[in-house]
């Protein structure tokens, strides 16, 4: 699991794209954190 993988251009490209997309996906975590921080009544507010 923690080993270093080398020689796989496919996996390297995957990691490259993951890093490219990561900042955008992190925005979901910001929304999730905001939602979790709300009081229960606000969480049930449809608007």
ModelCIF file with pLDDT and N, C-alpha, C, O atoms, coordinates in Angstrom:
data_MODEL
#
_entry.id   MODEL 
#
_entity.id                         1 
_entity.type                       polymer 
_entity.pdbx_number_of_molecules   1 
#
_entity_poly.entity_id                      1 
_entity_poly.type                           'polypeptide(L)' 
_entity_poly.nstd_linkage                   no 
_entity_poly.nstd_monomer                   no 
_entity_poly.pdbx_seq_one_letter_code       
;(UNK)(UNK)(UNK)(UNK)(UNK)(UNK)(UNK)(UNK)(UNK)(UNK)(UNK)(UNK)(UNK)(UNK)(UNK)(UNK)
(UNK)(UNK)(UNK)(UNK)(UNK)(UNK)(UNK)(UNK)(UNK)(UNK)(UNK)(UNK)(UNK)(UNK)(UNK)(UNK)
(UNK)(UNK)(UNK)(UNK)(UNK)(UNK)(UNK)(UNK)(UNK)(UNK)(UNK)(UNK)(UNK)(UNK)(UNK)
;
_entity_poly.pdbx_seq_one_letter_code_can   XXXXXXXXXXXXXXXXXXXXXXXXXXXXXXXXXXXXXXXXXXXXXXX 
_entity_poly.pdbx_strand_id                 A 
#
loop_
_entity_poly_seq.entity_id 
_entity_poly_seq.num 
_entity_poly_seq.mon_id 
_entity_poly_seq.hetero 
1 1  UNK n 
1 2  UNK n 
1 3  UNK n 
1 4  UNK n 
1 5  UNK n 
1 6  UNK n 
1 7  UNK n 
1 8  UNK n 
1 9  UNK n 
1 10 UNK n 
1 11 UNK n 
1 12 UNK n 
1 13 UNK n 
1 14 UNK n 
1 15 UNK n 
1 16 UNK n 
1 17 UNK n 
1 18 UNK n 
1 19 UNK n 
1 20 UNK n 
1 21 UNK n 
1 22 UNK n 
1 23 UNK n 
1 24 UNK n 
1 25 UNK n 
1 26 UNK n 
1 27 UNK n 
1 28 UNK n 
1 29 UNK n 
1 30 UNK n 
1 31 UNK n 
1 32 UNK n 
1 33 UNK n 
1 34 UNK n 
1 35 UNK n 
1 36 UNK n 
1 37 UNK n 
1 38 UNK n 
1 39 UNK n 
1 40 UNK n 
1 41 UNK n 
1 42 UNK n 
1 43 UNK n 
1 44 UNK n 
1 45 UNK n 
1 46 UNK n 
1 47 UNK n 
#
_struct_asym.id          A 
_struct_asym.entity_id   1 
#
loop_
_ma_qa_metric.id 
_ma_qa_metric.mode 
_ma_qa_metric.name 
_ma_qa_metric.software_group_id 
_ma_qa_metric.type 
1 global pLDDT . pLDDT 
2 local  pLDDT . pLDDT 
#
_ma_qa_metric_global.metric_id      1 
_ma_qa_metric_global.metric_value   95.40 
_ma_qa_metric_global.model_id       1 
_ma_qa_metric_global.ordinal_id     1 
#
loop_
_ma_qa_metric_local.label_asym_id 
_ma_qa_metric_local.label_comp_id 
_ma_qa_metric_local.label_seq_id 
_ma_qa_metric_local.metric_id 
_ma_qa_metric_local.metric_value 
_ma_qa_metric_local.model_id 
_ma_qa_metric_local.ordinal_id 
A UNK 1  2 95.00 1 1  
A UNK 2  2 95.00 1 2  
A UNK 3  2 97.00 1 3  
A UNK 4  2 97.00 1 4  
A UNK 5  2 97.00 1 5  
A UNK 6  2 98.00 1 6  
A UNK 7  2 97.00 1 7  
A UNK 8  2 97.00 1 8  
A UNK 9  2 96.00 1 9  
A UNK 10 2 95.00 1 10 
A UNK 11 2 96.00 1 11 
A UNK 12 2 97.00 1 12 
A UNK 13 2 96.00 1 13 
A UNK 14 2 95.00 1 14 
A UNK 15 2 95.00 1 15 
A UNK 16 2 95.00 1 16 
A UNK 17 2 95.00 1 17 
A UNK 18 2 95.00 1 18 
A UNK 19 2 96.00 1 19 
A UNK 20 2 94.00 1 20 
A UNK 21 2 96.00 1 21 
A UNK 22 2 97.00 1 22 
A UNK 23 2 97.00 1 23 
A UNK 24 2 97.00 1 24 
A UNK 25 2 96.00 1 25 
A UNK 26 2 97.00 1 26 
A UNK 27 2 97.00 1 27 
A UNK 28 2 96.00 1 28 
A UNK 29 2 96.00 1 29 
A UNK 30 2 96.00 1 30 
A UNK 31 2 95.00 1 31 
A UNK 32 2 95.00 1 32 
A UNK 33 2 96.00 1 33 
A UNK 34 2 95.00 1 34 
A UNK 35 2 95.00 1 35 
A UNK 36 2 95.00 1 36 
A UNK 37 2 96.00 1 37 
A UNK 38 2 95.00 1 38 
A UNK 39 2 95.00 1 39 
A UNK 40 2 94.00 1 40 
A UNK 41 2 94.00 1 41 
A UNK 42 2 93.00 1 42 
A UNK 43 2 92.00 1 43 
A UNK 44 2 93.00 1 44 
A UNK 45 2 93.00 1 45 
A UNK 46 2 91.00 1 46 
A UNK 47 2 94.00 1 47 
#
loop_
_atom_site.group_PDB 
_atom_site.id 
_atom_site.type_symbol 
_atom_site.label_atom_id 
_atom_site.label_alt_id 
_atom_site.label_comp_id 
_atom_site.label_asym_id 
_atom_site.label_entity_id 
_atom_site.label_seq_id 
_atom_site.pdbx_PDB_ins_code 
_atom_site.Cartn_x 
_atom_site.Cartn_y 
_atom_site.Cartn_z 
_atom_site.occupancy 
_atom_site.B_iso_or_equiv 
_atom_site.pdbx_formal_charge 
_atom_site.auth_seq_id 
_atom_site.auth_comp_id 
_atom_site.auth_asym_id 
_atom_site.auth_atom_id 
_atom_site.pdbx_PDB_model_num 
ATOM 1   N N  . UNK A 1 1  ? 0.814   -1.210 0.000   1.00 95.00 ? 1  UNK A N  1 
ATOM 2   C CA . UNK A 1 1  ? 0.000   0.000  0.000   1.00 95.00 ? 1  UNK A CA 1 
ATOM 3   C C  . UNK A 1 1  ? 0.846   1.259  0.000   1.00 95.00 ? 1  UNK A C  1 
ATOM 4   O O  . UNK A 1 1  ? 0.505   2.238  -0.664  1.00 95.00 ? 1  UNK A O  1 
ATOM 5   N N  . UNK A 1 2  ? 1.950   1.242  0.741   1.00 95.00 ? 2  UNK A N  1 
ATOM 6   C CA . UNK A 1 2  ? 2.800   2.422  0.846   1.00 95.00 ? 2  UNK A CA 1 
ATOM 7   C C  . UNK A 1 2  ? 4.036   2.341  -0.053  1.00 95.00 ? 2  UNK A C  1 
ATOM 8   O O  . UNK A 1 2  ? 4.908   3.208  0.002   1.00 95.00 ? 2  UNK A O  1 
ATOM 9   N N  . UNK A 1 3  ? 4.103   1.304  -0.873  1.00 97.00 ? 3  UNK A N  1 
ATOM 10  C CA . UNK A 1 3  ? 5.265   1.105  -1.732  1.00 97.00 ? 3  UNK A CA 1 
ATOM 11  C C  . UNK A 1 3  ? 5.300   2.117  -2.869  1.00 97.00 ? 3  UNK A C  1 
ATOM 12  O O  . UNK A 1 3  ? 4.288   2.742  -3.187  1.00 97.00 ? 3  UNK A O  1 
ATOM 13  N N  . UNK A 1 4  ? 6.467   2.273  -3.475  1.00 97.00 ? 4  UNK A N  1 
ATOM 14  C CA . UNK A 1 4  ? 6.660   3.177  -4.601  1.00 97.00 ? 4  UNK A CA 1 
ATOM 15  C C  . UNK A 1 4  ? 6.499   2.399  -5.896  1.00 97.00 ? 4  UNK A C  1 
ATOM 16  O O  . UNK A 1 4  ? 7.164   1.387  -6.114  1.00 97.00 ? 4  UNK A O  1 
ATOM 17  N N  . UNK A 1 5  ? 5.613   2.880  -6.746  1.00 97.00 ? 5  UNK A N  1 
ATOM 18  C CA . UNK A 1 5  ? 5.342   2.239  -8.027  1.00 97.00 ? 5  UNK A CA 1 
ATOM 19  C C  . UNK A 1 5  ? 6.028   3.029  -9.136  1.00 97.00 ? 5  UNK A C  1 
ATOM 20  O O  . UNK A 1 5  ? 5.839   4.240  -9.242  1.00 97.00 ? 5  UNK A O  1 
ATOM 21  N N  . UNK A 1 6  ? 6.816   2.356  -9.955  1.00 98.00 ? 6  UNK A N  1 
ATOM 22  C CA . UNK A 1 6  ? 7.509   3.023  -11.056 1.00 98.00 ? 6  UNK A CA 1 
ATOM 23  C C  . UNK A 1 6  ? 7.335   2.229  -12.349 1.00 98.00 ? 6  UNK A C  1 
ATOM 24  O O  . UNK A 1 6  ? 7.139   1.014  -12.333 1.00 98.00 ? 6  UNK A O  1 
ATOM 25  N N  . UNK A 1 7  ? 7.412   2.955  -13.475 1.00 97.00 ? 7  UNK A N  1 
ATOM 26  C CA . UNK A 1 7  ? 7.374   2.304  -14.776 1.00 97.00 ? 7  UNK A CA 1 
ATOM 27  C C  . UNK A 1 7  ? 6.001   2.216  -15.405 1.00 97.00 ? 7  UNK A C  1 
ATOM 28  O O  . UNK A 1 7  ? 5.876   1.768  -16.545 1.00 97.00 ? 7  UNK A O  1 
ATOM 29  N N  . UNK A 1 8  ? 4.960   2.634  -14.686 1.00 97.00 ? 8  UNK A N  1 
ATOM 30  C CA . UNK A 1 8  ? 3.602   2.582  -15.226 1.00 97.00 ? 8  UNK A CA 1 
ATOM 31  C C  . UNK A 1 8  ? 3.193   3.977  -15.703 1.00 97.00 ? 8  UNK A C  1 
ATOM 32  O O  . UNK A 1 8  ? 2.738   4.803  -14.911 1.00 97.00 ? 8  UNK A O  1 
ATOM 33  N N  . UNK A 1 9  ? 3.359   4.230  -16.996 1.00 96.00 ? 9  UNK A N  1 
ATOM 34  C CA . UNK A 1 9  ? 2.975   5.541  -17.526 1.00 96.00 ? 9  UNK A CA 1 
ATOM 35  C C  . UNK A 1 9  ? 1.477   5.772  -17.376 1.00 96.00 ? 9  UNK A C  1 
ATOM 36  O O  . UNK A 1 9  ? 1.023   6.909  -17.252 1.00 96.00 ? 9  UNK A O  1 
ATOM 37  N N  . UNK A 1 10 ? 0.717   4.682  -17.390 1.00 95.00 ? 10 UNK A N  1 
ATOM 38  C CA . UNK A 1 10 ? -0.735  4.773  -17.227 1.00 95.00 ? 10 UNK A CA 1 
ATOM 39  C C  . UNK A 1 10 ? -1.102  5.309  -15.848 1.00 95.00 ? 10 UNK A C  1 
ATOM 40  O O  . UNK A 1 10 ? -1.889  6.247  -15.715 1.00 95.00 ? 10 UNK A O  1 
ATOM 41  N N  . UNK A 1 11 ? -0.513  4.692  -14.826 1.00 96.00 ? 11 UNK A N  1 
ATOM 42  C CA . UNK A 1 11 ? -0.800  5.119  -13.454 1.00 96.00 ? 11 UNK A CA 1 
ATOM 43  C C  . UNK A 1 11 ? -0.279  6.520  -13.197 1.00 96.00 ? 11 UNK A C  1 
ATOM 44  O O  . UNK A 1 11 ? -0.916  7.304  -12.493 1.00 96.00 ? 11 UNK A O  1 
ATOM 45  N N  . UNK A 1 12 ? 0.882   6.841  -13.767 1.00 97.00 ? 12 UNK A N  1 
ATOM 46  C CA . UNK A 1 12 ? 1.430   8.193  -13.610 1.00 97.00 ? 12 UNK A CA 1 
ATOM 47  C C  . UNK A 1 12 ? 0.473   9.237  -14.185 1.00 97.00 ? 12 UNK A C  1 
ATOM 48  O O  . UNK A 1 12 ? 0.261   10.292 -13.587 1.00 97.00 ? 12 UNK A O  1 
ATOM 49  N N  . UNK A 1 13 ? -0.097  8.934  -15.345 1.00 96.00 ? 13 UNK A N  1 
ATOM 50  C CA . UNK A 1 13 ? -1.035  9.881  -15.955 1.00 96.00 ? 13 UNK A CA 1 
ATOM 51  C C  . UNK A 1 13 ? -2.295  10.015 -15.116 1.00 96.00 ? 13 UNK A C  1 
ATOM 52  O O  . UNK A 1 13 ? -2.859  11.101 -14.986 1.00 96.00 ? 13 UNK A O  1 
ATOM 53  N N  . UNK A 1 14 ? -2.726  8.902  -14.551 1.00 95.00 ? 14 UNK A N  1 
ATOM 54  C CA . UNK A 1 14 ? -3.886  8.935  -13.666 1.00 95.00 ? 14 UNK A CA 1 
ATOM 55  C C  . UNK A 1 14 ? -3.627  9.860  -12.485 1.00 95.00 ? 14 UNK A C  1 
ATOM 56  O O  . UNK A 1 14 ? -4.458  10.701 -12.142 1.00 95.00 ? 14 UNK A O  1 
ATOM 57  N N  . UNK A 1 15 ? -2.465  9.691  -11.874 1.00 95.00 ? 15 UNK A N  1 
ATOM 58  C CA . UNK A 1 15 ? -2.118  10.528 -10.723 1.00 95.00 ? 15 UNK A CA 1 
ATOM 59  C C  . UNK A 1 15 ? -2.049  11.998 -11.108 1.00 95.00 ? 15 UNK A C  1 
ATOM 60  O O  . UNK A 1 15 ? -2.443  12.873 -10.337 1.00 95.00 ? 15 UNK A O  1 
ATOM 61  N N  . UNK A 1 16 ? -1.547  12.261 -12.305 1.00 95.00 ? 16 UNK A N  1 
ATOM 62  C CA . UNK A 1 16 ? -1.443  13.635 -12.793 1.00 95.00 ? 16 UNK A CA 1 
ATOM 63  C C  . UNK A 1 16 ? -2.830  14.272 -12.910 1.00 95.00 ? 16 UNK A C  1 
ATOM 64  O O  . UNK A 1 16 ? -3.037  15.413 -12.496 1.00 95.00 ? 16 UNK A O  1 
ATOM 65  N N  . UNK A 1 17 ? -3.774  13.519 -13.480 1.00 95.00 ? 17 UNK A N  1 
ATOM 66  C CA . UNK A 1 17 ? -5.124  14.056 -13.638 1.00 95.00 ? 17 UNK A CA 1 
ATOM 67  C C  . UNK A 1 17 ? -5.818  14.179 -12.289 1.00 95.00 ? 17 UNK A C  1 
ATOM 68  O O  . UNK A 1 17 ? -6.568  15.127 -12.054 1.00 95.00 ? 17 UNK A O  1 
ATOM 69  N N  . UNK A 1 18 ? -5.567  13.222 -11.405 1.00 95.00 ? 18 UNK A N  1 
ATOM 70  C CA . UNK A 1 18 ? -6.131  13.319 -10.053 1.00 95.00 ? 18 UNK A CA 1 
ATOM 71  C C  . UNK A 1 18 ? -5.692  14.611 -9.373  1.00 95.00 ? 18 UNK A C  1 
ATOM 72  O O  . UNK A 1 18 ? -6.498  15.297 -8.744  1.00 95.00 ? 18 UNK A O  1 
ATOM 73  N N  . UNK A 1 19 ? -4.407  14.935 -9.504  1.00 96.00 ? 19 UNK A N  1 
ATOM 74  C CA . UNK A 1 19 ? -3.894  16.163 -8.886  1.00 96.00 ? 19 UNK A CA 1 
ATOM 75  C C  . UNK A 1 19 ? -4.519  17.400 -9.522  1.00 96.00 ? 19 UNK A C  1 
ATOM 76  O O  . UNK A 1 19 ? -4.764  18.400 -8.848  1.00 96.00 ? 19 UNK A O  1 
ATOM 77  N N  . UNK A 1 20 ? -4.771  17.321 -10.815 1.00 94.00 ? 20 UNK A N  1 
ATOM 78  C CA . UNK A 1 20 ? -5.385  18.430 -11.546 1.00 94.00 ? 20 UNK A CA 1 
ATOM 79  C C  . UNK A 1 20 ? -6.825  18.670 -11.061 1.00 94.00 ? 20 UNK A C  1 
ATOM 80  O O  . UNK A 1 20 ? -7.257  19.814 -10.917 1.00 94.00 ? 20 UNK A O  1 
ATOM 81  N N  . UNK A 1 21 ? -7.554  17.577 -10.815 1.00 96.00 ? 21 UNK A N  1 
ATOM 82  C CA . UNK A 1 21 ? -8.957  17.691 -10.423 1.00 96.00 ? 21 UNK A CA 1 
ATOM 83  C C  . UNK A 1 21 ? -9.157  17.888 -8.919  1.00 96.00 ? 21 UNK A C  1 
ATOM 84  O O  . UNK A 1 21 ? -10.210 18.351 -8.478  1.00 96.00 ? 21 UNK A O  1 
ATOM 85  N N  . UNK A 1 22 ? -8.146  17.535 -8.149  1.00 97.00 ? 22 UNK A N  1 
ATOM 86  C CA . UNK A 1 22 ? -8.282  17.551 -6.688  1.00 97.00 ? 22 UNK A CA 1 
ATOM 87  C C  . UNK A 1 22 ? -8.794  18.881 -6.119  1.00 97.00 ? 22 UNK A C  1 
ATOM 88  O O  . UNK A 1 22 ? -9.695  18.858 -5.280  1.00 97.00 ? 22 UNK A O  1 
ATOM 89  N N  . UNK A 1 23 ? -8.264  20.030 -6.535  1.00 97.00 ? 23 UNK A N  1 
ATOM 90  C CA . UNK A 1 23 ? -8.760  21.301 -5.960  1.00 97.00 ? 23 UNK A CA 1 
ATOM 91  C C  . UNK A 1 23 ? -10.252 21.526 -6.216  1.00 97.00 ? 23 UNK A C  1 
ATOM 92  O O  . UNK A 1 23 ? -10.939 22.137 -5.398  1.00 97.00 ? 23 UNK A O  1 
ATOM 93  N N  . UNK A 1 24 ? -10.744 21.038 -7.342  1.00 97.00 ? 24 UNK A N  1 
ATOM 94  C CA . UNK A 1 24 ? -12.172 21.221 -7.630  1.00 97.00 ? 24 UNK A CA 1 
ATOM 95  C C  . UNK A 1 24 ? -13.006 20.310 -6.737  1.00 97.00 ? 24 UNK A C  1 
ATOM 96  O O  . UNK A 1 24 ? -14.011 20.741 -6.170  1.00 97.00 ? 24 UNK A O  1 
ATOM 97  N N  . UNK A 1 25 ? -12.588 19.042 -6.611  1.00 96.00 ? 25 UNK A N  1 
ATOM 98  C CA . UNK A 1 25 ? -13.325 18.111 -5.748  1.00 96.00 ? 25 UNK A CA 1 
ATOM 99  C C  . UNK A 1 25 ? -13.303 18.560 -4.285  1.00 96.00 ? 25 UNK A C  1 
ATOM 100 O O  . UNK A 1 25 ? -14.243 18.282 -3.540  1.00 96.00 ? 25 UNK A O  1 
ATOM 101 N N  . UNK A 1 26 ? -12.248 19.248 -3.873  1.00 97.00 ? 26 UNK A N  1 
ATOM 102 C CA . UNK A 1 26 ? -12.154 19.730 -2.495  1.00 97.00 ? 26 UNK A CA 1 
ATOM 103 C C  . UNK A 1 26 ? -13.282 20.706 -2.165  1.00 97.00 ? 26 UNK A C  1 
ATOM 104 O O  . UNK A 1 26 ? -13.640 20.872 -0.999  1.00 97.00 ? 26 UNK A O  1 
ATOM 105 N N  . UNK A 1 27 ? -13.840 21.350 -3.189  1.00 97.00 ? 27 UNK A N  1 
ATOM 106 C CA . UNK A 1 27 ? -14.940 22.280 -2.956  1.00 97.00 ? 27 UNK A CA 1 
ATOM 107 C C  . UNK A 1 27 ? -16.165 21.570 -2.396  1.00 97.00 ? 27 UNK A C  1 
ATOM 108 O O  . UNK A 1 27 ? -16.953 22.169 -1.664  1.00 97.00 ? 27 UNK A O  1 
ATOM 109 N N  . UNK A 1 28 ? -16.328 20.296 -2.740  1.00 96.00 ? 28 UNK A N  1 
ATOM 110 C CA . UNK A 1 28 ? -17.428 19.518 -2.161  1.00 96.00 ? 28 UNK A CA 1 
ATOM 111 C C  . UNK A 1 28 ? -17.256 19.390 -0.644  1.00 96.00 ? 28 UNK A C  1 
ATOM 112 O O  . UNK A 1 28 ? -18.223 19.466 0.114   1.00 96.00 ? 28 UNK A O  1 
ATOM 113 N N  . UNK A 1 29 ? -15.994 19.192 -0.217  1.00 96.00 ? 29 UNK A N  1 
ATOM 114 C CA . UNK A 1 29 ? -15.734 19.055 1.218   1.00 96.00 ? 29 UNK A CA 1 
ATOM 115 C C  . UNK A 1 29 ? -16.055 20.343 1.963   1.00 96.00 ? 29 UNK A C  1 
ATOM 116 O O  . UNK A 1 29 ? -16.505 20.313 3.108   1.00 96.00 ? 29 UNK A O  1 
ATOM 117 N N  . UNK A 1 30 ? -15.819 21.473 1.307   1.00 96.00 ? 30 UNK A N  1 
ATOM 118 C CA . UNK A 1 30 ? -16.156 22.763 1.917   1.00 96.00 ? 30 UNK A CA 1 
ATOM 119 C C  . UNK A 1 30 ? -17.669 22.847 2.145   1.00 96.00 ? 30 UNK A C  1 
ATOM 120 O O  . UNK A 1 30 ? -18.120 23.273 3.208   1.00 96.00 ? 30 UNK A O  1 
ATOM 121 N N  . UNK A 1 31 ? -18.444 22.437 1.141   1.00 95.00 ? 31 UNK A N  1 
ATOM 122 C CA . UNK A 1 31 ? -19.901 22.444 1.295   1.00 95.00 ? 31 UNK A CA 1 
ATOM 123 C C  . UNK A 1 31 ? -20.342 21.481 2.389   1.00 95.00 ? 31 UNK A C  1 
ATOM 124 O O  . UNK A 1 31 ? -21.219 21.794 3.194   1.00 95.00 ? 31 UNK A O  1 
ATOM 125 N N  . UNK A 1 32 ? -19.721 20.307 2.405   1.00 95.00 ? 32 UNK A N  1 
ATOM 126 C CA . UNK A 1 32 ? -20.078 19.320 3.423   1.00 95.00 ? 32 UNK A CA 1 
ATOM 127 C C  . UNK A 1 32 ? -19.789 19.852 4.827   1.00 95.00 ? 32 UNK A C  1 
ATOM 128 O O  . UNK A 1 32 ? -20.603 19.701 5.738   1.00 95.00 ? 32 UNK A O  1 
ATOM 129 N N  . UNK A 1 33 ? -18.625 20.474 4.988   1.00 96.00 ? 33 UNK A N  1 
ATOM 130 C CA . UNK A 1 33 ? -18.261 21.027 6.295   1.00 96.00 ? 33 UNK A CA 1 
ATOM 131 C C  . UNK A 1 33 ? -19.243 22.125 6.700   1.00 96.00 ? 33 UNK A C  1 
ATOM 132 O O  . UNK A 1 33 ? -19.640 22.217 7.862   1.00 96.00 ? 33 UNK A O  1 
ATOM 133 N N  . UNK A 1 34 ? -19.628 22.949 5.736   1.00 95.00 ? 34 UNK A N  1 
ATOM 134 C CA . UNK A 1 34 ? -20.592 24.007 6.026   1.00 95.00 ? 34 UNK A CA 1 
ATOM 135 C C  . UNK A 1 34 ? -21.916 23.413 6.493   1.00 95.00 ? 34 UNK A C  1 
ATOM 136 O O  . UNK A 1 34 ? -22.513 23.879 7.464   1.00 95.00 ? 34 UNK A O  1 
ATOM 137 N N  . UNK A 1 35 ? -22.367 22.373 5.784   1.00 95.00 ? 35 UNK A N  1 
ATOM 138 C CA . UNK A 1 35 ? -23.637 21.733 6.133   1.00 95.00 ? 35 UNK A CA 1 
ATOM 139 C C  . UNK A 1 35 ? -23.587 21.116 7.533   1.00 95.00 ? 35 UNK A C  1 
ATOM 140 O O  . UNK A 1 35 ? -24.516 21.276 8.324   1.00 95.00 ? 35 UNK A O  1 
ATOM 141 N N  . UNK A 1 36 ? -22.504 20.416 7.825   1.00 95.00 ? 36 UNK A N  1 
ATOM 142 C CA . UNK A 1 36 ? -22.378 19.761 9.131   1.00 95.00 ? 36 UNK A CA 1 
ATOM 143 C C  . UNK A 1 36 ? -22.324 20.772 10.267  1.00 95.00 ? 36 UNK A C  1 
ATOM 144 O O  . UNK A 1 36 ? -22.735 20.460 11.385  1.00 95.00 ? 36 UNK A O  1 
ATOM 145 N N  . UNK A 1 37 ? -21.831 21.966 10.007  1.00 96.00 ? 37 UNK A N  1 
ATOM 146 C CA . UNK A 1 37 ? -21.691 22.985 11.048  1.00 96.00 ? 37 UNK A CA 1 
ATOM 147 C C  . UNK A 1 37 ? -23.012 23.673 11.386  1.00 96.00 ? 37 UNK A C  1 
ATOM 148 O O  . UNK A 1 37 ? -23.093 24.410 12.369  1.00 96.00 ? 37 UNK A O  1 
ATOM 149 N N  . UNK A 1 38 ? -24.044 23.438 10.579  1.00 95.00 ? 38 UNK A N  1 
ATOM 150 C CA . UNK A 1 38 ? -25.318 24.117 10.798  1.00 95.00 ? 38 UNK A CA 1 
ATOM 151 C C  . UNK A 1 38 ? -26.125 23.463 11.920  1.00 95.00 ? 38 UNK A C  1 
ATOM 152 O O  . UNK A 1 38 ? -25.998 22.260 12.146  1.00 95.00 ? 38 UNK A O  1 
ATOM 153 N N  . UNK A 1 39 ? -26.941 24.227 12.618  1.00 95.00 ? 39 UNK A N  1 
ATOM 154 C CA . UNK A 1 39 ? -27.844 23.636 13.604  1.00 95.00 ? 39 UNK A CA 1 
ATOM 155 C C  . UNK A 1 39 ? -28.849 22.736 12.893  1.00 95.00 ? 39 UNK A C  1 
ATOM 156 O O  . UNK A 1 39 ? -29.076 22.880 11.692  1.00 95.00 ? 39 UNK A O  1 
ATOM 157 N N  . UNK A 1 40 ? -29.442 21.821 13.628  1.00 94.00 ? 40 UNK A N  1 
ATOM 158 C CA . UNK A 1 40 ? -30.333 20.830 13.024  1.00 94.00 ? 40 UNK A CA 1 
ATOM 159 C C  . UNK A 1 40 ? -31.489 21.476 12.280  1.00 94.00 ? 40 UNK A C  1 
ATOM 160 O O  . UNK A 1 40 ? -31.893 20.992 11.223  1.00 94.00 ? 40 UNK A O  1 
ATOM 161 N N  . UNK A 1 41 ? -32.021 22.552 12.813  1.00 94.00 ? 41 UNK A N  1 
ATOM 162 C CA . UNK A 1 41 ? -33.148 23.223 12.151  1.00 94.00 ? 41 UNK A CA 1 
ATOM 163 C C  . UNK A 1 41 ? -32.741 23.740 10.770  1.00 94.00 ? 41 UNK A C  1 
ATOM 164 O O  . UNK A 1 41 ? -33.521 23.673 9.820   1.00 94.00 ? 41 UNK A O  1 
ATOM 165 N N  . UNK A 1 42 ? -31.513 24.255 10.669  1.00 93.00 ? 42 UNK A N  1 
ATOM 166 C CA . UNK A 1 42 ? -31.040 24.766 9.385   1.00 93.00 ? 42 UNK A CA 1 
ATOM 167 C C  . UNK A 1 42 ? -30.843 23.628 8.388   1.00 93.00 ? 42 UNK A C  1 
ATOM 168 O O  . UNK A 1 42 ? -31.095 23.782 7.193   1.00 93.00 ? 42 UNK A O  1 
ATOM 169 N N  . UNK A 1 43 ? -30.386 22.472 8.903   1.00 92.00 ? 43 UNK A N  1 
ATOM 170 C CA . UNK A 1 43 ? -30.188 21.317 8.026   1.00 92.00 ? 43 UNK A CA 1 
ATOM 171 C C  . UNK A 1 43 ? -31.504 20.832 7.428   1.00 92.00 ? 43 UNK A C  1 
ATOM 172 O O  . UNK A 1 43 ? -31.518 20.232 6.354   1.00 92.00 ? 43 UNK A O  1 
ATOM 173 N N  . UNK A 1 44 ? -32.605 21.093 8.123   1.00 93.00 ? 44 UNK A N  1 
ATOM 174 C CA . UNK A 1 44 ? -33.917 20.679 7.638   1.00 93.00 ? 44 UNK A CA 1 
ATOM 175 C C  . UNK A 1 44 ? -34.614 21.763 6.821   1.00 93.00 ? 44 UNK A C  1 
ATOM 176 O O  . UNK A 1 44 ? -35.740 21.575 6.362   1.00 93.00 ? 44 UNK A O  1 
ATOM 177 N N  . UNK A 1 45 ? -33.950 22.881 6.645   1.00 93.00 ? 45 UNK A N  1 
ATOM 178 C CA . UNK A 1 45 ? -34.516 24.003 5.891   1.00 93.00 ? 45 UNK A CA 1 
ATOM 179 C C  . UNK A 1 45 ? -34.356 23.729 4.396   1.00 93.00 ? 45 UNK A C  1 
ATOM 180 O O  . UNK A 1 45 ? -33.241 23.749 3.873   1.00 93.00 ? 45 UNK A O  1 
ATOM 181 N N  . UNK A 1 46 ? -35.465 23.475 3.716   1.00 91.00 ? 46 UNK A N  1 
ATOM 182 C CA . UNK A 1 46 ? -35.429 23.120 2.295   1.00 91.00 ? 46 UNK A CA 1 
ATOM 183 C C  . UNK A 1 46 ? -34.769 24.197 1.445   1.00 91.00 ? 46 UNK A C  1 
ATOM 184 O O  . UNK A 1 46 ? -34.036 23.892 0.504   1.00 91.00 ? 46 UNK A O  1 
ATOM 185 N N  . UNK A 1 47 ? -35.032 25.460 1.779   1.00 94.00 ? 47 UNK A N  1 
ATOM 186 C CA . UNK A 1 47 ? -34.462 26.560 0.996   1.00 94.00 ? 47 UNK A CA 1 
ATOM 187 C C  . UNK A 1 47 ? -32.939 26.575 1.120   1.00 94.00 ? 47 UNK A C  1 
ATOM 188 O O  . UNK A 1 47 ? -32.279 27.430 0.530   1.00 94.00 ? 47 UNK A O  1 
#
